[in-house]
């Protein structure tokens, strides 16, 4: 019974992933390291109506993609990025919008002994709330200190942990004593699959650049009287205004010109 249920689940998973690969033009390949179930649930809720998250075993994801390559060869580009704790975020919305939602759902986290540091950790020069009895602890980590009004003061900024290094027990204990949460965890974007192409982070925010580009294109096209989708409305409006001006000074007549002439005769 359990085996049958598992087979049914696998079949449904494969069917759903196949559907999404065909339906959505854009997907984010994401890493979900250190993301707990509660945090994942919050991310799913925030993306509801905007995107769909699918996690799964790498073997199942790879098998499903291999099965669809004959229909869409571009999907093969996803395979090198399917490793470790991986998932997909499918969307039809703007890339920067989804990226922003993923960033909003990162949570701060303490340093744990044995964990790999995702970023550099620097302790700023500061007066702590730790008493002099902790001085030897700082000395063991070669952090220069002095006693200021009965508490330990860190004299200089200290580069405590390098990105990629394993967090030691002493470093983790110190950061916890200082109430420093040096890391933040969330869904990390490895690459974006966008209409058959692979895009690597960072994601450009096109929300302002696209309208600016359209404005520049329209201005350039108007300057050389070249009609296109950006300049056509302006060219048509300009031509209509010139036609109205001509109609006012001549016997040329059409509905809009007639209304304008009547208004000019009696503005009241």
C-alpha atoms as a PDB file:
ATOM      1  CA  UNK A   1       0.000   0.000   0.000  1.00  0.00           C
ATOM      2  CA  UNK A   2       2.801   2.406   0.938  1.00  0.00           C
ATOM      3  CA  UNK A   3       4.701   1.535  -2.245  1.00  0.00           C
ATOM      4  CA  UNK A   4       1.586   2.152  -4.345  1.00  0.00           C
ATOM      5  CA  UNK A   5       0.968   5.520  -2.658  1.00  0.00           C
ATOM      6  CA  UNK A   6       4.581   6.542  -3.259  1.00  0.00           C
ATOM      7  CA  UNK A   7       4.337   5.579  -6.925  1.00  0.00           C
ATOM      8  CA  UNK A   8       1.135   7.611  -7.245  1.00  0.00           C
ATOM      9  CA  UNK A   9       2.809  10.601  -5.602  1.00  0.00           C
ATOM     10  CA  UNK A  10       5.793  10.361  -7.977  1.00  0.00           C
ATOM     11  CA  UNK A  11       3.491  10.188 -10.993  1.00  0.00           C
ATOM     12  CA  UNK A  12       1.546  13.261  -9.830  1.00  0.00           C
ATOM     13  CA  UNK A  13       4.779  15.143  -9.107  1.00  0.00           C
ATOM     14  CA  UNK A  14       6.165  14.357 -12.569  1.00  0.00           C
ATOM     15  CA  UNK A  15       2.888  15.387 -14.202  1.00  0.00           C
ATOM     16  CA  UNK A  16       2.790  18.697 -12.319  1.00  0.00           C
ATOM     17  CA  UNK A  17       6.431  19.553 -13.028  1.00  0.00           C
ATOM     18  CA  UNK A  18       5.930  18.678 -16.706  1.00  0.00           C
ATOM     19  CA  UNK A  19       2.893  20.956 -16.831  1.00  0.00           C
ATOM     20  CA  UNK A  20       4.744  23.867 -15.241  1.00  0.00           C
ATOM     21  CA  UNK A  21       7.773  23.472 -17.534  1.00  0.00           C
ATOM     22  CA  UNK A  22       5.446  23.785 -20.522  1.00  0.00           C
ATOM     23  CA  UNK A  23       3.169  26.479 -19.102  1.00  0.00           C
ATOM     24  CA  UNK A  24       5.581  28.988 -17.560  1.00  0.00           C
ATOM     25  CA  UNK A  25       8.105  30.916 -19.700  1.00  0.00           C
ATOM     26  CA  UNK A  26      10.174  31.842 -16.648  1.00  0.00           C
ATOM     27  CA  UNK A  27      11.512  29.903 -13.700  1.00  0.00           C
ATOM     28  CA  UNK A  28      14.012  30.629 -10.946  1.00  0.00           C
ATOM     29  CA  UNK A  29      16.371  27.805 -10.005  1.00  0.00           C
ATOM     30  CA  UNK A  30      16.715  28.263  -6.253  1.00  0.00           C
ATOM     31  CA  UNK A  31      18.797  26.783  -3.446  1.00  0.00           C
ATOM     32  CA  UNK A  32      16.947  26.232  -0.177  1.00  0.00           C
ATOM     33  CA  UNK A  33      19.807  25.553   2.233  1.00  0.00           C
ATOM     34  CA  UNK A  34      19.010  26.389   5.880  1.00  0.00           C
ATOM     35  CA  UNK A  35      15.382  27.243   5.047  1.00  0.00           C
ATOM     36  CA  UNK A  36      13.019  25.668   7.570  1.00  0.00           C
ATOM     37  CA  UNK A  37       9.475  24.476   6.932  1.00  0.00           C
ATOM     38  CA  UNK A  38       7.902  27.481   8.681  1.00  0.00           C
ATOM     39  CA  UNK A  39       9.958  29.942   6.640  1.00  0.00           C
ATOM     40  CA  UNK A  40       9.163  28.029   3.433  1.00  0.00           C
ATOM     41  CA  UNK A  41       5.455  28.241   4.224  1.00  0.00           C
ATOM     42  CA  UNK A  42       5.711  32.023   4.635  1.00  0.00           C
ATOM     43  CA  UNK A  43       7.501  32.267   1.289  1.00  0.00           C
ATOM     44  CA  UNK A  44       4.777  30.221  -0.404  1.00  0.00           C
ATOM     45  CA  UNK A  45       2.095  32.490   1.065  1.00  0.00           C
ATOM     46  CA  UNK A  46       3.880  35.672  -0.068  1.00  0.00           C
ATOM     47  CA  UNK A  47       4.229  34.301  -3.622  1.00  0.00           C
ATOM     48  CA  UNK A  48       0.632  33.087  -3.856  1.00  0.00           C
ATOM     49  CA  UNK A  49      -0.973  34.509  -6.991  1.00  0.00           C
ATOM     50  CA  UNK A  50       2.437  35.566  -8.322  1.00  0.00           C
ATOM     51  CA  UNK A  51       4.503  32.382  -8.568  1.00  0.00           C
ATOM     52  CA  UNK A  52       4.553  28.651  -7.787  1.00  0.00           C
ATOM     53  CA  UNK A  53       7.319  26.877  -5.840  1.00  0.00           C
ATOM     54  CA  UNK A  54       8.258  23.262  -6.538  1.00  0.00           C
ATOM     55  CA  UNK A  55      10.837  21.420  -4.483  1.00  0.00           C
ATOM     56  CA  UNK A  56      11.808  17.796  -5.028  1.00  0.00           C
ATOM     57  CA  UNK A  57      14.500  15.172  -5.254  1.00  0.00           C
ATOM     58  CA  UNK A  58      17.200  15.882  -7.808  1.00  0.00           C
ATOM     59  CA  UNK A  59      16.757  12.488  -9.462  1.00  0.00           C
ATOM     60  CA  UNK A  60      13.052  13.125 -10.061  1.00  0.00           C
ATOM     61  CA  UNK A  61      13.654  16.644 -11.343  1.00  0.00           C
ATOM     62  CA  UNK A  62      16.391  15.461 -13.709  1.00  0.00           C
ATOM     63  CA  UNK A  63      14.292  12.549 -14.969  1.00  0.00           C
ATOM     64  CA  UNK A  64      11.338  14.843 -15.673  1.00  0.00           C
ATOM     65  CA  UNK A  65      13.501  17.377 -17.510  1.00  0.00           C
ATOM     66  CA  UNK A  66      15.148  14.642 -19.589  1.00  0.00           C
ATOM     67  CA  UNK A  67      11.668  13.492 -20.560  1.00  0.00           C
ATOM     68  CA  UNK A  68      10.792  16.960 -21.899  1.00  0.00           C
ATOM     69  CA  UNK A  69      14.022  17.770 -23.767  1.00  0.00           C
ATOM     70  CA  UNK A  70      12.657  16.203 -26.961  1.00  0.00           C
ATOM     71  CA  UNK A  71       9.833  18.782 -26.894  1.00  0.00           C
ATOM     72  CA  UNK A  72      11.976  21.712 -25.747  1.00  0.00           C
ATOM     73  CA  UNK A  73      15.745  21.320 -26.130  1.00  0.00           C
ATOM     74  CA  UNK A  74      16.381  24.509 -24.122  1.00  0.00           C
ATOM     75  CA  UNK A  75      15.281  22.752 -20.927  1.00  0.00           C
ATOM     76  CA  UNK A  76      18.555  20.823 -20.994  1.00  0.00           C
ATOM     77  CA  UNK A  77      20.258  24.061 -19.898  1.00  0.00           C
ATOM     78  CA  UNK A  78      18.663  23.579 -16.469  1.00  0.00           C
ATOM     79  CA  UNK A  79      20.379  20.262 -15.722  1.00  0.00           C
ATOM     80  CA  UNK A  80      23.810  21.626 -14.605  1.00  0.00           C
ATOM     81  CA  UNK A  81      22.028  23.693 -11.939  1.00  0.00           C
ATOM     82  CA  UNK A  82      20.054  20.799 -10.418  1.00  0.00           C
ATOM     83  CA  UNK A  83      22.133  19.752  -7.407  1.00  0.00           C
ATOM     84  CA  UNK A  84      21.982  19.723  -3.603  1.00  0.00           C
ATOM     85  CA  UNK A  85      18.848  21.273  -2.042  1.00  0.00           C
ATOM     86  CA  UNK A  86      17.280  22.690  -5.196  1.00  0.00           C
ATOM     87  CA  UNK A  87      13.841  23.819  -6.319  1.00  0.00           C
ATOM     88  CA  UNK A  88      12.049  25.879  -8.966  1.00  0.00           C
ATOM     89  CA  UNK A  89       9.973  29.052  -8.703  1.00  0.00           C
ATOM     90  CA  UNK A  90       7.694  29.333 -11.741  1.00  0.00           C
ATOM     91  CA  UNK A  91       6.223  32.702 -12.713  1.00  0.00           C
ATOM     92  CA  UNK A  92       4.718  34.766 -15.516  1.00  0.00           C
ATOM     93  CA  UNK A  93       5.430  38.052 -13.766  1.00  0.00           C
ATOM     94  CA  UNK A  94       8.308  40.519 -13.848  1.00  0.00           C
ATOM     95  CA  UNK A  95      11.636  39.059 -12.707  1.00  0.00           C
ATOM     96  CA  UNK A  96      12.442  41.924 -10.342  1.00  0.00           C
ATOM     97  CA  UNK A  97       9.032  41.592  -8.642  1.00  0.00           C
ATOM     98  CA  UNK A  98       9.616  37.937  -7.740  1.00  0.00           C
ATOM     99  CA  UNK A  99      13.230  38.622  -6.774  1.00  0.00           C
ATOM    100  CA  UNK A 100      12.047  41.347  -4.386  1.00  0.00           C
ATOM    101  CA  UNK A 101       9.562  38.981  -2.735  1.00  0.00           C
ATOM    102  CA  UNK A 102      12.271  36.360  -2.228  1.00  0.00           C
ATOM    103  CA  UNK A 103      14.583  38.939  -0.634  1.00  0.00           C
ATOM    104  CA  UNK A 104      11.790  40.160   1.654  1.00  0.00           C
ATOM    105  CA  UNK A 105      11.447  36.654   3.067  1.00  0.00           C
ATOM    106  CA  UNK A 106      15.040  36.232   4.217  1.00  0.00           C
ATOM    107  CA  UNK A 107      15.415  35.852   7.979  1.00  0.00           C
ATOM    108  CA  UNK A 108      18.350  36.742  10.207  1.00  0.00           C
ATOM    109  CA  UNK A 109      20.055  33.817  11.902  1.00  0.00           C
ATOM    110  CA  UNK A 110      22.772  33.247  14.526  1.00  0.00           C
ATOM    111  CA  UNK A 111      26.135  31.723  13.703  1.00  0.00           C
ATOM    112  CA  UNK A 112      26.217  28.035  14.574  1.00  0.00           C
ATOM    113  CA  UNK A 113      29.428  26.114  15.187  1.00  0.00           C
ATOM    114  CA  UNK A 114      30.267  23.940  12.213  1.00  0.00           C
ATOM    115  CA  UNK A 115      28.144  25.888   9.714  1.00  0.00           C
ATOM    116  CA  UNK A 116      29.707  27.292   6.545  1.00  0.00           C
ATOM    117  CA  UNK A 117      29.656  31.088   6.578  1.00  0.00           C
ATOM    118  CA  UNK A 118      27.743  32.444   3.540  1.00  0.00           C
ATOM    119  CA  UNK A 119      29.258  35.927   3.999  1.00  0.00           C
ATOM    120  CA  UNK A 120      32.188  37.621   5.703  1.00  0.00           C
ATOM    121  CA  UNK A 121      31.543  38.503   9.342  1.00  0.00           C
ATOM    122  CA  UNK A 122      33.086  41.641  10.806  1.00  0.00           C
ATOM    123  CA  UNK A 123      32.620  42.808  14.393  1.00  0.00           C
ATOM    124  CA  UNK A 124      32.614  46.581  14.610  1.00  0.00           C
ATOM    125  CA  UNK A 125      34.532  48.513  17.250  1.00  0.00           C
ATOM    126  CA  UNK A 126      32.107  48.997  20.140  1.00  0.00           C
ATOM    127  CA  UNK A 127      31.542  49.106  23.858  1.00  0.00           C
ATOM    128  CA  UNK A 128      29.930  45.796  24.807  1.00  0.00           C
ATOM    129  CA  UNK A 129      27.793  44.939  27.825  1.00  0.00           C
ATOM    130  CA  UNK A 130      30.189  42.142  28.820  1.00  0.00           C
ATOM    131  CA  UNK A 131      32.113  42.328  32.078  1.00  0.00           C
ATOM    132  CA  UNK A 132      35.922  42.134  32.522  1.00  0.00           C
ATOM    133  CA  UNK A 133      35.707  38.421  33.366  1.00  0.00           C
ATOM    134  CA  UNK A 134      35.218  37.772  29.626  1.00  0.00           C
ATOM    135  CA  UNK A 135      38.531  39.383  28.636  1.00  0.00           C
ATOM    136  CA  UNK A 136      40.364  36.075  28.264  1.00  0.00           C
ATOM    137  CA  UNK A 137      37.724  34.941  25.789  1.00  0.00           C
ATOM    138  CA  UNK A 138      38.523  37.892  23.506  1.00  0.00           C
ATOM    139  CA  UNK A 139      42.255  37.339  23.956  1.00  0.00           C
ATOM    140  CA  UNK A 140      41.896  33.742  22.771  1.00  0.00           C
ATOM    141  CA  UNK A 141      40.386  35.082  19.533  1.00  0.00           C
ATOM    142  CA  UNK A 142      43.110  37.758  19.290  1.00  0.00           C
ATOM    143  CA  UNK A 143      40.602  40.592  19.528  1.00  0.00           C
ATOM    144  CA  UNK A 144      42.130  43.750  21.058  1.00  0.00           C
ATOM    145  CA  UNK A 145      40.031  45.150  23.910  1.00  0.00           C
ATOM    146  CA  UNK A 146      40.118  47.486  26.886  1.00  0.00           C
ATOM    147  CA  UNK A 147      37.925  47.993  29.915  1.00  0.00           C
ATOM    148  CA  UNK A 148      35.657  51.044  29.702  1.00  0.00           C
ATOM    149  CA  UNK A 149      33.448  51.852  32.715  1.00  0.00           C
ATOM    150  CA  UNK A 150      33.438  48.262  33.841  1.00  0.00           C
ATOM    151  CA  UNK A 151      32.675  46.672  30.467  1.00  0.00           C
ATOM    152  CA  UNK A 152      34.766  45.330  27.598  1.00  0.00           C
ATOM    153  CA  UNK A 153      35.331  47.676  24.650  1.00  0.00           C
ATOM    154  CA  UNK A 154      36.424  46.255  21.283  1.00  0.00           C
ATOM    155  CA  UNK A 155      39.026  48.746  20.098  1.00  0.00           C
ATOM    156  CA  UNK A 156      39.119  48.017  16.351  1.00  0.00           C
ATOM    157  CA  UNK A 157      36.914  46.418  13.721  1.00  0.00           C
ATOM    158  CA  UNK A 158      37.676  42.696  13.594  1.00  0.00           C
ATOM    159  CA  UNK A 159      37.241  40.473  10.527  1.00  0.00           C
ATOM    160  CA  UNK A 160      36.119  37.410  12.451  1.00  0.00           C
ATOM    161  CA  UNK A 161      34.990  34.923   9.777  1.00  0.00           C
ATOM    162  CA  UNK A 162      35.612  34.686   6.046  1.00  0.00           C
ATOM    163  CA  UNK A 163      32.865  33.636   3.644  1.00  0.00           C
ATOM    164  CA  UNK A 164      33.185  29.931   2.918  1.00  0.00           C
ATOM    165  CA  UNK A 165      34.982  29.133   6.182  1.00  0.00           C
ATOM    166  CA  UNK A 166      33.534  26.867   8.846  1.00  0.00           C
ATOM    167  CA  UNK A 167      32.282  28.733  11.908  1.00  0.00           C
ATOM    168  CA  UNK A 168      34.272  27.749  14.993  1.00  0.00           C
ATOM    169  CA  UNK A 169      32.749  27.165  18.420  1.00  0.00           C
ATOM    170  CA  UNK A 170      34.500  30.227  19.886  1.00  0.00           C
ATOM    171  CA  UNK A 171      33.377  32.529  17.058  1.00  0.00           C
ATOM    172  CA  UNK A 172      29.787  31.291  17.358  1.00  0.00           C
ATOM    173  CA  UNK A 173      29.803  31.772  21.142  1.00  0.00           C
ATOM    174  CA  UNK A 174      31.185  35.309  20.859  1.00  0.00           C
ATOM    175  CA  UNK A 175      28.618  36.384  18.273  1.00  0.00           C
ATOM    176  CA  UNK A 176      25.841  34.971  20.428  1.00  0.00           C
ATOM    177  CA  UNK A 177      27.163  36.808  23.503  1.00  0.00           C
ATOM    178  CA  UNK A 178      27.137  40.045  21.498  1.00  0.00           C
ATOM    179  CA  UNK A 179      23.603  39.310  20.237  1.00  0.00           C
ATOM    180  CA  UNK A 180      24.824  39.495  16.645  1.00  0.00           C
ATOM    181  CA  UNK A 181      22.861  37.623  13.972  1.00  0.00           C
ATOM    182  CA  UNK A 182      25.422  37.703  11.158  1.00  0.00           C
ATOM    183  CA  UNK A 183      23.706  35.516   8.599  1.00  0.00           C
ATOM    184  CA  UNK A 184      20.410  35.646   6.739  1.00  0.00           C
ATOM    185  CA  UNK A 185      18.804  32.661   5.097  1.00  0.00           C
ATOM    186  CA  UNK A 186      16.210  32.364   2.370  1.00  0.00           C
ATOM    187  CA  UNK A 187      15.758  31.008  -1.124  1.00  0.00           C
ATOM    188  CA  UNK A 188      18.932  31.819  -3.071  1.00  0.00           C
ATOM    189  CA  UNK A 189      18.636  32.311  -6.828  1.00  0.00           C
ATOM    190  CA  UNK A 190      21.203  30.268  -8.735  1.00  0.00           C
ATOM    191  CA  UNK A 191      20.021  31.149 -12.236  1.00  0.00           C
ATOM    192  CA  UNK A 192      16.873  32.224 -14.062  1.00  0.00           C
ATOM    193  CA  UNK A 193      15.512  30.333 -17.053  1.00  0.00           C
ATOM    194  CA  UNK A 194      13.851  32.993 -19.206  1.00  0.00           C
ATOM    195  CA  UNK A 195      12.225  31.982 -22.509  1.00  0.00           C
ATOM    196  CA  UNK A 196      14.926  29.423 -23.223  1.00  0.00           C
ATOM    197  CA  UNK A 197      17.902  31.474 -22.001  1.00  0.00           C
ATOM    198  CA  UNK A 198      19.853  31.217 -18.740  1.00  0.00           C
ATOM    199  CA  UNK A 199      20.354  34.456 -16.785  1.00  0.00           C
ATOM    200  CA  UNK A 200      22.729  34.653 -13.837  1.00  0.00           C
ATOM    201  CA  UNK A 201      22.110  36.979 -10.871  1.00  0.00           C
ATOM    202  CA  UNK A 202      22.026  39.848 -10.132  1.00  0.00           C
ATOM    203  CA  UNK A 203      18.666  40.499 -11.757  1.00  0.00           C
ATOM    204  CA  UNK A 204      18.414  43.881 -13.517  1.00  0.00           C
ATOM    205  CA  UNK A 205      15.470  46.041 -12.446  1.00  0.00           C
ATOM    206  CA  UNK A 206      13.872  46.973 -15.756  1.00  0.00           C
ATOM    207  CA  UNK A 207      10.831  48.719 -14.275  1.00  0.00           C
ATOM    208  CA  UNK A 208      12.379  52.172 -14.842  1.00  0.00           C
ATOM    209  CA  UNK A 209      14.724  51.423 -17.737  1.00  0.00           C
ATOM    210  CA  UNK A 210      12.029  50.146 -20.115  1.00  0.00           C
ATOM    211  CA  UNK A 211       9.846  53.312 -19.955  1.00  0.00           C
ATOM    212  CA  UNK A 212      12.977  55.460 -20.315  1.00  0.00           C
ATOM    213  CA  UNK A 213      14.034  53.445 -23.351  1.00  0.00           C
ATOM    214  CA  UNK A 214      10.598  53.868 -24.928  1.00  0.00           C
ATOM    215  CA  UNK A 215      10.764  57.629 -24.364  1.00  0.00           C
ATOM    216  CA  UNK A 216      14.210  57.848 -25.963  1.00  0.00           C
ATOM    217  CA  UNK A 217      13.098  55.736 -28.921  1.00  0.00           C
ATOM    218  CA  UNK A 218       9.999  57.882 -29.406  1.00  0.00           C
ATOM    219  CA  UNK A 219      12.039  61.111 -29.281  1.00  0.00           C
ATOM    220  CA  UNK A 220      14.595  59.785 -31.775  1.00  0.00           C
ATOM    221  CA  UNK A 221      11.892  58.483 -34.136  1.00  0.00           C
ATOM    222  CA  UNK A 222      10.014  61.793 -34.005  1.00  0.00           C
ATOM    223  CA  UNK A 223      13.222  63.632 -34.824  1.00  0.00           C
ATOM    224  CA  UNK A 224      13.625  61.719 -38.089  1.00  0.00           C
ATOM    225  CA  UNK A 225       9.858  61.325 -38.752  1.00  0.00           C
ATOM    226  CA  UNK A 226      10.118  57.540 -38.563  1.00  0.00           C
ATOM    227  CA  UNK A 227       6.862  55.814 -37.590  1.00  0.00           C
ATOM    228  CA  UNK A 228       6.995  52.908 -35.160  1.00  0.00           C
ATOM    229  CA  UNK A 229       5.029  51.710 -32.138  1.00  0.00           C
ATOM    230  CA  UNK A 230       6.671  54.292 -29.865  1.00  0.00           C
ATOM    231  CA  UNK A 231       6.418  57.317 -32.180  1.00  0.00           C
ATOM    232  CA  UNK A 232       3.195  56.617 -34.115  1.00  0.00           C
ATOM    233  CA  UNK A 233       0.790  58.104 -31.508  1.00  0.00           C
ATOM    234  CA  UNK A 234       2.812  61.336 -31.404  1.00  0.00           C
ATOM    235  CA  UNK A 235       3.100  61.537 -35.216  1.00  0.00           C
ATOM    236  CA  UNK A 236      -0.638  60.985 -35.648  1.00  0.00           C
ATOM    237  CA  UNK A 237      -1.491  63.582 -33.005  1.00  0.00           C
ATOM    238  CA  UNK A 238       0.905  66.106 -34.560  1.00  0.00           C
ATOM    239  CA  UNK A 239      -0.536  65.510 -38.018  1.00  0.00           C
ATOM    240  CA  UNK A 240      -4.081  65.879 -36.717  1.00  0.00           C
ATOM    241  CA  UNK A 241      -3.235  69.205 -35.063  1.00  0.00           C
ATOM    242  CA  UNK A 242      -1.746  70.512 -38.318  1.00  0.00           C
ATOM    243  CA  UNK A 243      -4.835  69.364 -40.209  1.00  0.00           C
ATOM    244  CA  UNK A 244      -7.089  71.204 -37.750  1.00  0.00           C
ATOM    245  CA  UNK A 245      -5.026  74.376 -38.158  1.00  0.00           C
ATOM    246  CA  UNK A 246      -5.333  74.093 -41.950  1.00  0.00           C
ATOM    247  CA  UNK A 247      -9.090  73.562 -41.722  1.00  0.00           C
ATOM    248  CA  UNK A 248      -9.566  76.685 -39.596  1.00  0.00           C
ATOM    249  CA  UNK A 249      -7.876  78.872 -42.248  1.00  0.00           C
ATOM    250  CA  UNK A 250      -9.500  77.199 -45.299  1.00  0.00           C
ATOM    251  CA  UNK A 251     -12.748  75.648 -46.456  1.00  0.00           C
ATOM    252  CA  UNK A 252     -11.547  72.139 -45.608  1.00  0.00           C
ATOM    253  CA  UNK A 253     -14.306  70.492 -43.600  1.00  0.00           C
ATOM    254  CA  UNK A 254     -14.603  67.368 -41.440  1.00  0.00           C
ATOM    255  CA  UNK A 255     -16.483  66.620 -38.233  1.00  0.00           C
ATOM    256  CA  UNK A 256     -13.786  67.601 -35.727  1.00  0.00           C
ATOM    257  CA  UNK A 257     -12.896  70.769 -37.682  1.00  0.00           C
ATOM    258  CA  UNK A 258     -16.577  71.767 -37.840  1.00  0.00           C
ATOM    259  CA  UNK A 259     -16.852  71.615 -34.054  1.00  0.00           C
ATOM    260  CA  UNK A 260     -13.687  73.701 -33.650  1.00  0.00           C
ATOM    261  CA  UNK A 261     -14.853  76.347 -36.170  1.00  0.00           C
ATOM    262  CA  UNK A 262     -18.199  76.720 -34.394  1.00  0.00           C
ATOM    263  CA  UNK A 263     -16.414  77.165 -31.070  1.00  0.00           C
ATOM    264  CA  UNK A 264     -14.061  79.817 -32.496  1.00  0.00           C
ATOM    265  CA  UNK A 265     -17.034  81.755 -33.932  1.00  0.00           C
ATOM    266  CA  UNK A 266     -18.798  81.772 -30.559  1.00  0.00           C
ATOM    267  CA  UNK A 267     -16.472  80.901 -27.632  1.00  0.00           C
ATOM    268  CA  UNK A 268     -19.288  81.680 -25.166  1.00  0.00           C
END
